[in-house]
């Protein structure tokens, strides 16, 4: 059985692996998890000995088959729990991430499958991320950062890149949720901030950081 810390490392390495251009170095893992480089090096050694990852100083860390399978299972648990917390227990979408971080480590062979069935086999979590299937398959989605949309174009919110409570609460203030339609009215050259029309009525200006935290199609 993996420790909670080991599972968090596997999940972090999986997230980093989604950026194909980025080398998964100890520094990258350290920044992703907010831990010291020394702690990362110790854990890399442990996970390598358990045949969950491979590590090369030049190529960086890579999940092996067992490590990949376990990382995806943890992510599946997390995203199913987020759906359950939002839809069945009426938590707000800025609360569910931290709670799901704890629940994702609960171990039982049938728990995730039963939860998936109870929820009606949802394809996406409340933040717009795809939920892995029981066989580990993850639906592919095409997402674009709001910051990449041109002036005059319209788009629809499909996911959030930043799941922090502060950002999600800000989205709620702007009446933005998954599915909200947004039109780019203008882009300010000075700082790349954007003037948006949200829905039919609301107009507001958002920062470049905001636009780089929202995913649309």
C-alpha atoms as a PDB file:
ATOM      1  CA  UNK A   1       0.000   0.000   0.000  1.00  0.00           C
ATOM      2  CA  UNK A   2       1.280   3.459  -0.888  1.00  0.00           C
ATOM      3  CA  UNK A   3       1.616   6.183   1.699  1.00  0.00           C
ATOM      4  CA  UNK A   4      -0.381   9.391   1.233  1.00  0.00           C
ATOM      5  CA  UNK A   5       2.863  11.240   0.459  1.00  0.00           C
ATOM      6  CA  UNK A   6       3.889   8.716  -2.191  1.00  0.00           C
ATOM      7  CA  UNK A   7       0.495   9.012  -3.855  1.00  0.00           C
ATOM      8  CA  UNK A   8       0.750  12.795  -3.898  1.00  0.00           C
ATOM      9  CA  UNK A   9       4.125  12.542  -5.617  1.00  0.00           C
ATOM     10  CA  UNK A  10       2.759  10.170  -8.250  1.00  0.00           C
ATOM     11  CA  UNK A  11      -0.117  12.562  -8.893  1.00  0.00           C
ATOM     12  CA  UNK A  12       2.252  15.543  -9.148  1.00  0.00           C
ATOM     13  CA  UNK A  13       4.539  13.737 -11.596  1.00  0.00           C
ATOM     14  CA  UNK A  14       1.488  12.776 -13.664  1.00  0.00           C
ATOM     15  CA  UNK A  15       0.331  16.407 -13.816  1.00  0.00           C
ATOM     16  CA  UNK A  16       3.783  17.530 -14.895  1.00  0.00           C
ATOM     17  CA  UNK A  17       3.895  14.813 -17.543  1.00  0.00           C
ATOM     18  CA  UNK A  18       0.936  16.434 -19.315  1.00  0.00           C
ATOM     19  CA  UNK A  19       3.307  19.185 -20.445  1.00  0.00           C
ATOM     20  CA  UNK A  20       5.256  17.217 -23.026  1.00  0.00           C
ATOM     21  CA  UNK A  21       7.824  19.988 -23.460  1.00  0.00           C
ATOM     22  CA  UNK A  22       8.780  20.127 -19.794  1.00  0.00           C
ATOM     23  CA  UNK A  23      11.471  17.950 -18.253  1.00  0.00           C
ATOM     24  CA  UNK A  24      10.232  16.525 -14.948  1.00  0.00           C
ATOM     25  CA  UNK A  25      13.222  17.490 -12.846  1.00  0.00           C
ATOM     26  CA  UNK A  26      13.468  17.479  -9.035  1.00  0.00           C
ATOM     27  CA  UNK A  27      13.129  21.263  -9.201  1.00  0.00           C
ATOM     28  CA  UNK A  28       9.915  21.020 -11.224  1.00  0.00           C
ATOM     29  CA  UNK A  29       8.458  18.515  -8.763  1.00  0.00           C
ATOM     30  CA  UNK A  30       9.560  20.685  -5.844  1.00  0.00           C
ATOM     31  CA  UNK A  31       7.766  23.711  -7.296  1.00  0.00           C
ATOM     32  CA  UNK A  32       4.658  21.681  -8.146  1.00  0.00           C
ATOM     33  CA  UNK A  33       4.335  20.301  -4.607  1.00  0.00           C
ATOM     34  CA  UNK A  34       5.802  23.139  -2.565  1.00  0.00           C
ATOM     35  CA  UNK A  35       8.398  20.961  -0.857  1.00  0.00           C
ATOM     36  CA  UNK A  36      12.184  21.083  -0.600  1.00  0.00           C
ATOM     37  CA  UNK A  37      14.440  19.707  -3.329  1.00  0.00           C
ATOM     38  CA  UNK A  38      16.042  17.368  -0.772  1.00  0.00           C
ATOM     39  CA  UNK A  39      12.649  15.813   0.021  1.00  0.00           C
ATOM     40  CA  UNK A  40      11.978  15.322  -3.688  1.00  0.00           C
ATOM     41  CA  UNK A  41      15.301  13.547  -4.249  1.00  0.00           C
ATOM     42  CA  UNK A  42      14.605  11.177  -1.346  1.00  0.00           C
ATOM     43  CA  UNK A  43      11.147  10.362  -2.714  1.00  0.00           C
ATOM     44  CA  UNK A  44      12.422   9.868  -6.263  1.00  0.00           C
ATOM     45  CA  UNK A  45      14.761   7.226  -4.881  1.00  0.00           C
ATOM     46  CA  UNK A  46      11.914   5.473  -3.008  1.00  0.00           C
ATOM     47  CA  UNK A  47       9.546   5.503  -5.986  1.00  0.00           C
ATOM     48  CA  UNK A  48      12.296   4.268  -8.287  1.00  0.00           C
ATOM     49  CA  UNK A  49      13.079   1.366  -5.943  1.00  0.00           C
ATOM     50  CA  UNK A  50       9.388   0.435  -5.962  1.00  0.00           C
ATOM     51  CA  UNK A  51       9.382   0.447  -9.782  1.00  0.00           C
ATOM     52  CA  UNK A  52       6.764   3.203  -9.925  1.00  0.00           C
ATOM     53  CA  UNK A  53       8.922   5.725 -11.759  1.00  0.00           C
ATOM     54  CA  UNK A  54      12.190   5.843 -13.654  1.00  0.00           C
ATOM     55  CA  UNK A  55      14.622   8.698 -13.224  1.00  0.00           C
ATOM     56  CA  UNK A  56      17.493   9.936 -15.327  1.00  0.00           C
ATOM     57  CA  UNK A  57      19.429  13.153 -14.609  1.00  0.00           C
ATOM     58  CA  UNK A  58      19.184  14.162 -18.248  1.00  0.00           C
ATOM     59  CA  UNK A  59      15.654  12.986 -19.106  1.00  0.00           C
ATOM     60  CA  UNK A  60      14.103  13.553 -15.672  1.00  0.00           C
ATOM     61  CA  UNK A  61      11.397  11.481 -13.956  1.00  0.00           C
ATOM     62  CA  UNK A  62       8.874   9.326 -15.786  1.00  0.00           C
ATOM     63  CA  UNK A  63       5.980   7.251 -14.516  1.00  0.00           C
ATOM     64  CA  UNK A  64       6.319   3.543 -15.187  1.00  0.00           C
ATOM     65  CA  UNK A  65       3.231   1.471 -16.003  1.00  0.00           C
ATOM     66  CA  UNK A  66       2.325   0.744 -12.365  1.00  0.00           C
ATOM     67  CA  UNK A  67       2.972   4.330 -11.344  1.00  0.00           C
ATOM     68  CA  UNK A  68       0.854   5.671 -14.205  1.00  0.00           C
ATOM     69  CA  UNK A  69      -2.010   3.342 -13.300  1.00  0.00           C
ATOM     70  CA  UNK A  70      -1.943   4.384  -9.648  1.00  0.00           C
ATOM     71  CA  UNK A  71      -1.705   8.102 -10.456  1.00  0.00           C
ATOM     72  CA  UNK A  72      -4.718   7.929 -12.778  1.00  0.00           C
ATOM     73  CA  UNK A  73      -6.703   5.984 -10.158  1.00  0.00           C
ATOM     74  CA  UNK A  74      -6.019   8.694  -7.567  1.00  0.00           C
ATOM     75  CA  UNK A  75      -7.091  11.391 -10.002  1.00  0.00           C
ATOM     76  CA  UNK A  76     -10.260   9.429 -10.819  1.00  0.00           C
ATOM     77  CA  UNK A  77     -11.081   9.187  -7.112  1.00  0.00           C
ATOM     78  CA  UNK A  78     -10.461  12.907  -6.641  1.00  0.00           C
ATOM     79  CA  UNK A  79     -12.681  14.021  -9.494  1.00  0.00           C
ATOM     80  CA  UNK A  80     -15.524  11.659  -8.614  1.00  0.00           C
ATOM     81  CA  UNK A  81     -15.467  12.896  -5.035  1.00  0.00           C
ATOM     82  CA  UNK A  82     -15.623  16.487  -6.288  1.00  0.00           C
ATOM     83  CA  UNK A  83     -18.802  15.678  -8.224  1.00  0.00           C
ATOM     84  CA  UNK A  84     -20.295  13.959  -5.179  1.00  0.00           C
ATOM     85  CA  UNK A  85     -19.454  16.846  -2.832  1.00  0.00           C
ATOM     86  CA  UNK A  86     -20.935  19.445  -5.174  1.00  0.00           C
ATOM     87  CA  UNK A  87     -24.032  17.596  -6.395  1.00  0.00           C
ATOM     88  CA  UNK A  88     -24.994  15.510  -3.362  1.00  0.00           C
ATOM     89  CA  UNK A  89     -23.668  17.426  -0.355  1.00  0.00           C
ATOM     90  CA  UNK A  90     -24.134  20.935  -1.786  1.00  0.00           C
ATOM     91  CA  UNK A  91     -20.598  22.147  -1.198  1.00  0.00           C
ATOM     92  CA  UNK A  92     -19.579  25.103  -3.375  1.00  0.00           C
ATOM     93  CA  UNK A  93     -17.045  24.556  -6.146  1.00  0.00           C
ATOM     94  CA  UNK A  94     -14.387  26.560  -4.271  1.00  0.00           C
ATOM     95  CA  UNK A  95     -14.643  24.160  -1.292  1.00  0.00           C
ATOM     96  CA  UNK A  96     -14.605  20.755  -2.948  1.00  0.00           C
ATOM     97  CA  UNK A  97     -10.964  20.539  -4.066  1.00  0.00           C
ATOM     98  CA  UNK A  98      -9.422  20.555  -0.593  1.00  0.00           C
ATOM     99  CA  UNK A  99     -11.922  18.013   0.748  1.00  0.00           C
ATOM    100  CA  UNK A 100     -11.426  15.729  -2.271  1.00  0.00           C
ATOM    101  CA  UNK A 101      -7.659  15.914  -1.663  1.00  0.00           C
ATOM    102  CA  UNK A 102      -8.318  13.954   1.530  1.00  0.00           C
ATOM    103  CA  UNK A 103     -10.997  11.594   0.218  1.00  0.00           C
ATOM    104  CA  UNK A 104      -8.993  10.570  -2.864  1.00  0.00           C
ATOM    105  CA  UNK A 105      -6.721   8.421  -0.683  1.00  0.00           C
ATOM    106  CA  UNK A 106      -9.540   6.273   0.743  1.00  0.00           C
ATOM    107  CA  UNK A 107      -8.843   2.691  -0.317  1.00  0.00           C
ATOM    108  CA  UNK A 108     -11.454   0.094  -1.246  1.00  0.00           C
ATOM    109  CA  UNK A 109     -11.537  -2.045  -4.407  1.00  0.00           C
ATOM    110  CA  UNK A 110     -15.100  -1.147  -5.391  1.00  0.00           C
ATOM    111  CA  UNK A 111     -15.504   2.344  -3.940  1.00  0.00           C
ATOM    112  CA  UNK A 112     -14.658   4.381  -7.058  1.00  0.00           C
ATOM    113  CA  UNK A 113     -16.795   2.197  -9.326  1.00  0.00           C
ATOM    114  CA  UNK A 114     -19.766   2.374  -6.964  1.00  0.00           C
ATOM    115  CA  UNK A 115     -19.369   6.126  -6.638  1.00  0.00           C
ATOM    116  CA  UNK A 116     -19.141   6.461 -10.426  1.00  0.00           C
ATOM    117  CA  UNK A 117     -22.341   4.422 -10.862  1.00  0.00           C
ATOM    118  CA  UNK A 118     -24.176   6.327  -8.122  1.00  0.00           C
ATOM    119  CA  UNK A 119     -23.340   9.628  -9.810  1.00  0.00           C
ATOM    120  CA  UNK A 120     -24.501   8.415 -13.229  1.00  0.00           C
ATOM    121  CA  UNK A 121     -21.018   8.029 -14.746  1.00  0.00           C
ATOM    122  CA  UNK A 122     -20.117  11.733 -15.058  1.00  0.00           C
ATOM    123  CA  UNK A 123     -17.562  12.580 -17.755  1.00  0.00           C
ATOM    124  CA  UNK A 124     -16.222  15.770 -16.172  1.00  0.00           C
ATOM    125  CA  UNK A 125     -15.658  17.102 -12.678  1.00  0.00           C
ATOM    126  CA  UNK A 126     -17.115  20.467 -11.546  1.00  0.00           C
ATOM    127  CA  UNK A 127     -13.956  22.279 -12.696  1.00  0.00           C
ATOM    128  CA  UNK A 128     -14.238  20.875 -16.211  1.00  0.00           C
ATOM    129  CA  UNK A 129     -11.517  18.208 -15.998  1.00  0.00           C
ATOM    130  CA  UNK A 130     -12.232  14.805 -17.594  1.00  0.00           C
ATOM    131  CA  UNK A 131     -12.840  11.895 -15.214  1.00  0.00           C
ATOM    132  CA  UNK A 132     -10.800   8.774 -16.049  1.00  0.00           C
ATOM    133  CA  UNK A 133     -12.772   5.608 -16.791  1.00  0.00           C
ATOM    134  CA  UNK A 134     -12.397   2.472 -14.674  1.00  0.00           C
ATOM    135  CA  UNK A 135      -9.952   1.099 -17.269  1.00  0.00           C
ATOM    136  CA  UNK A 136      -7.765   4.200 -16.946  1.00  0.00           C
ATOM    137  CA  UNK A 137      -8.873   5.741 -20.231  1.00  0.00           C
ATOM    138  CA  UNK A 138      -9.129   9.531 -20.069  1.00  0.00           C
ATOM    139  CA  UNK A 139     -11.394  11.399 -22.520  1.00  0.00           C
ATOM    140  CA  UNK A 140      -9.422  13.804 -24.685  1.00  0.00           C
ATOM    141  CA  UNK A 141     -10.588  17.397 -24.758  1.00  0.00           C
ATOM    142  CA  UNK A 142      -9.480  20.400 -26.784  1.00  0.00           C
ATOM    143  CA  UNK A 143      -9.040  23.426 -24.555  1.00  0.00           C
ATOM    144  CA  UNK A 144      -7.659  26.899 -25.210  1.00  0.00           C
ATOM    145  CA  UNK A 145      -6.609  29.552 -22.740  1.00  0.00           C
ATOM    146  CA  UNK A 146      -8.896  32.576 -22.707  1.00  0.00           C
ATOM    147  CA  UNK A 147      -5.750  34.689 -23.220  1.00  0.00           C
ATOM    148  CA  UNK A 148      -5.329  33.108 -26.682  1.00  0.00           C
ATOM    149  CA  UNK A 149      -8.749  34.176 -27.998  1.00  0.00           C
ATOM    150  CA  UNK A 150      -8.777  37.079 -30.456  1.00  0.00           C
ATOM    151  CA  UNK A 151     -10.759  40.319 -30.241  1.00  0.00           C
ATOM    152  CA  UNK A 152     -14.328  39.902 -31.481  1.00  0.00           C
ATOM    153  CA  UNK A 153     -14.380  36.136 -30.940  1.00  0.00           C
ATOM    154  CA  UNK A 154     -16.805  34.348 -28.629  1.00  0.00           C
ATOM    155  CA  UNK A 155     -16.069  31.244 -26.583  1.00  0.00           C
ATOM    156  CA  UNK A 156     -17.470  29.031 -23.857  1.00  0.00           C
ATOM    157  CA  UNK A 157     -15.872  28.232 -20.504  1.00  0.00           C
ATOM    158  CA  UNK A 158     -15.011  24.513 -20.310  1.00  0.00           C
ATOM    159  CA  UNK A 159     -12.548  24.300 -17.403  1.00  0.00           C
ATOM    160  CA  UNK A 160     -10.464  26.222 -14.900  1.00  0.00           C
ATOM    161  CA  UNK A 161      -6.692  25.929 -14.808  1.00  0.00           C
ATOM    162  CA  UNK A 162      -6.509  27.512 -11.353  1.00  0.00           C
ATOM    163  CA  UNK A 163      -8.666  25.653  -8.789  1.00  0.00           C
ATOM    164  CA  UNK A 164      -7.732  27.827  -5.811  1.00  0.00           C
ATOM    165  CA  UNK A 165     -10.594  29.069  -3.648  1.00  0.00           C
ATOM    166  CA  UNK A 166      -9.652  32.702  -4.343  1.00  0.00           C
ATOM    167  CA  UNK A 167      -9.938  32.293  -8.127  1.00  0.00           C
ATOM    168  CA  UNK A 168     -13.139  30.249  -7.987  1.00  0.00           C
ATOM    169  CA  UNK A 169     -14.748  32.801  -5.678  1.00  0.00           C
ATOM    170  CA  UNK A 170     -13.718  35.547  -8.115  1.00  0.00           C
ATOM    171  CA  UNK A 171     -15.374  33.631 -10.953  1.00  0.00           C
ATOM    172  CA  UNK A 172     -18.569  33.404  -8.915  1.00  0.00           C
ATOM    173  CA  UNK A 173     -18.511  37.174  -8.410  1.00  0.00           C
ATOM    174  CA  UNK A 174     -18.364  37.542 -12.195  1.00  0.00           C
ATOM    175  CA  UNK A 175     -21.138  34.951 -12.693  1.00  0.00           C
ATOM    176  CA  UNK A 176     -18.722  32.687 -14.563  1.00  0.00           C
ATOM    177  CA  UNK A 177     -19.100  28.915 -14.368  1.00  0.00           C
ATOM    178  CA  UNK A 178     -18.605  25.950 -16.682  1.00  0.00           C
ATOM    179  CA  UNK A 179     -20.620  26.671 -19.823  1.00  0.00           C
ATOM    180  CA  UNK A 180     -20.663  30.480 -19.496  1.00  0.00           C
ATOM    181  CA  UNK A 181     -20.352  32.299 -22.828  1.00  0.00           C
ATOM    182  CA  UNK A 182     -17.726  35.030 -23.106  1.00  0.00           C
ATOM    183  CA  UNK A 183     -16.952  37.498 -25.916  1.00  0.00           C
ATOM    184  CA  UNK A 184     -13.618  39.315 -26.217  1.00  0.00           C
ATOM    185  CA  UNK A 185     -14.409  42.990 -26.760  1.00  0.00           C
ATOM    186  CA  UNK A 186     -10.883  44.382 -26.537  1.00  0.00           C
ATOM    187  CA  UNK A 187      -7.326  43.565 -25.487  1.00  0.00           C
ATOM    188  CA  UNK A 188      -5.246  46.306 -23.849  1.00  0.00           C
ATOM    189  CA  UNK A 189      -1.741  46.315 -25.421  1.00  0.00           C
ATOM    190  CA  UNK A 190      -0.078  47.783 -22.323  1.00  0.00           C
ATOM    191  CA  UNK A 191      -0.612  44.777 -20.049  1.00  0.00           C
ATOM    192  CA  UNK A 192      -2.639  42.310 -22.186  1.00  0.00           C
ATOM    193  CA  UNK A 193      -5.683  42.739 -19.957  1.00  0.00           C
ATOM    194  CA  UNK A 194      -9.006  41.938 -21.616  1.00  0.00           C
ATOM    195  CA  UNK A 195     -12.371  43.656 -21.833  1.00  0.00           C
ATOM    196  CA  UNK A 196     -14.987  40.892 -21.735  1.00  0.00           C
ATOM    197  CA  UNK A 197     -18.701  40.557 -22.231  1.00  0.00           C
ATOM    198  CA  UNK A 198     -19.912  37.824 -19.911  1.00  0.00           C
ATOM    199  CA  UNK A 199     -23.270  36.393 -20.857  1.00  0.00           C
ATOM    200  CA  UNK A 200     -25.640  39.014 -22.222  1.00  0.00           C
ATOM    201  CA  UNK A 201     -25.245  41.896 -19.805  1.00  0.00           C
ATOM    202  CA  UNK A 202     -22.016  42.023 -17.795  1.00  0.00           C
ATOM    203  CA  UNK A 203     -18.926  43.816 -19.114  1.00  0.00           C
ATOM    204  CA  UNK A 204     -15.692  43.791 -17.159  1.00  0.00           C
ATOM    205  CA  UNK A 205     -11.918  43.988 -17.562  1.00  0.00           C
ATOM    206  CA  UNK A 206      -9.745  41.086 -16.383  1.00  0.00           C
ATOM    207  CA  UNK A 207      -5.995  40.695 -16.005  1.00  0.00           C
ATOM    208  CA  UNK A 208      -3.648  38.607 -18.136  1.00  0.00           C
ATOM    209  CA  UNK A 209      -3.252  36.263 -15.143  1.00  0.00           C
ATOM    210  CA  UNK A 210      -7.025  35.760 -15.069  1.00  0.00           C
ATOM    211  CA  UNK A 211      -7.133  35.052 -18.804  1.00  0.00           C
ATOM    212  CA  UNK A 212      -4.357  32.508 -18.444  1.00  0.00           C
ATOM    213  CA  UNK A 213      -6.295  30.684 -15.707  1.00  0.00           C
ATOM    214  CA  UNK A 214      -9.497  30.019 -17.662  1.00  0.00           C
ATOM    215  CA  UNK A 215      -9.903  27.349 -20.357  1.00  0.00           C
ATOM    216  CA  UNK A 216     -12.419  27.754 -23.170  1.00  0.00           C
ATOM    217  CA  UNK A 217     -13.494  26.234 -26.478  1.00  0.00           C
END
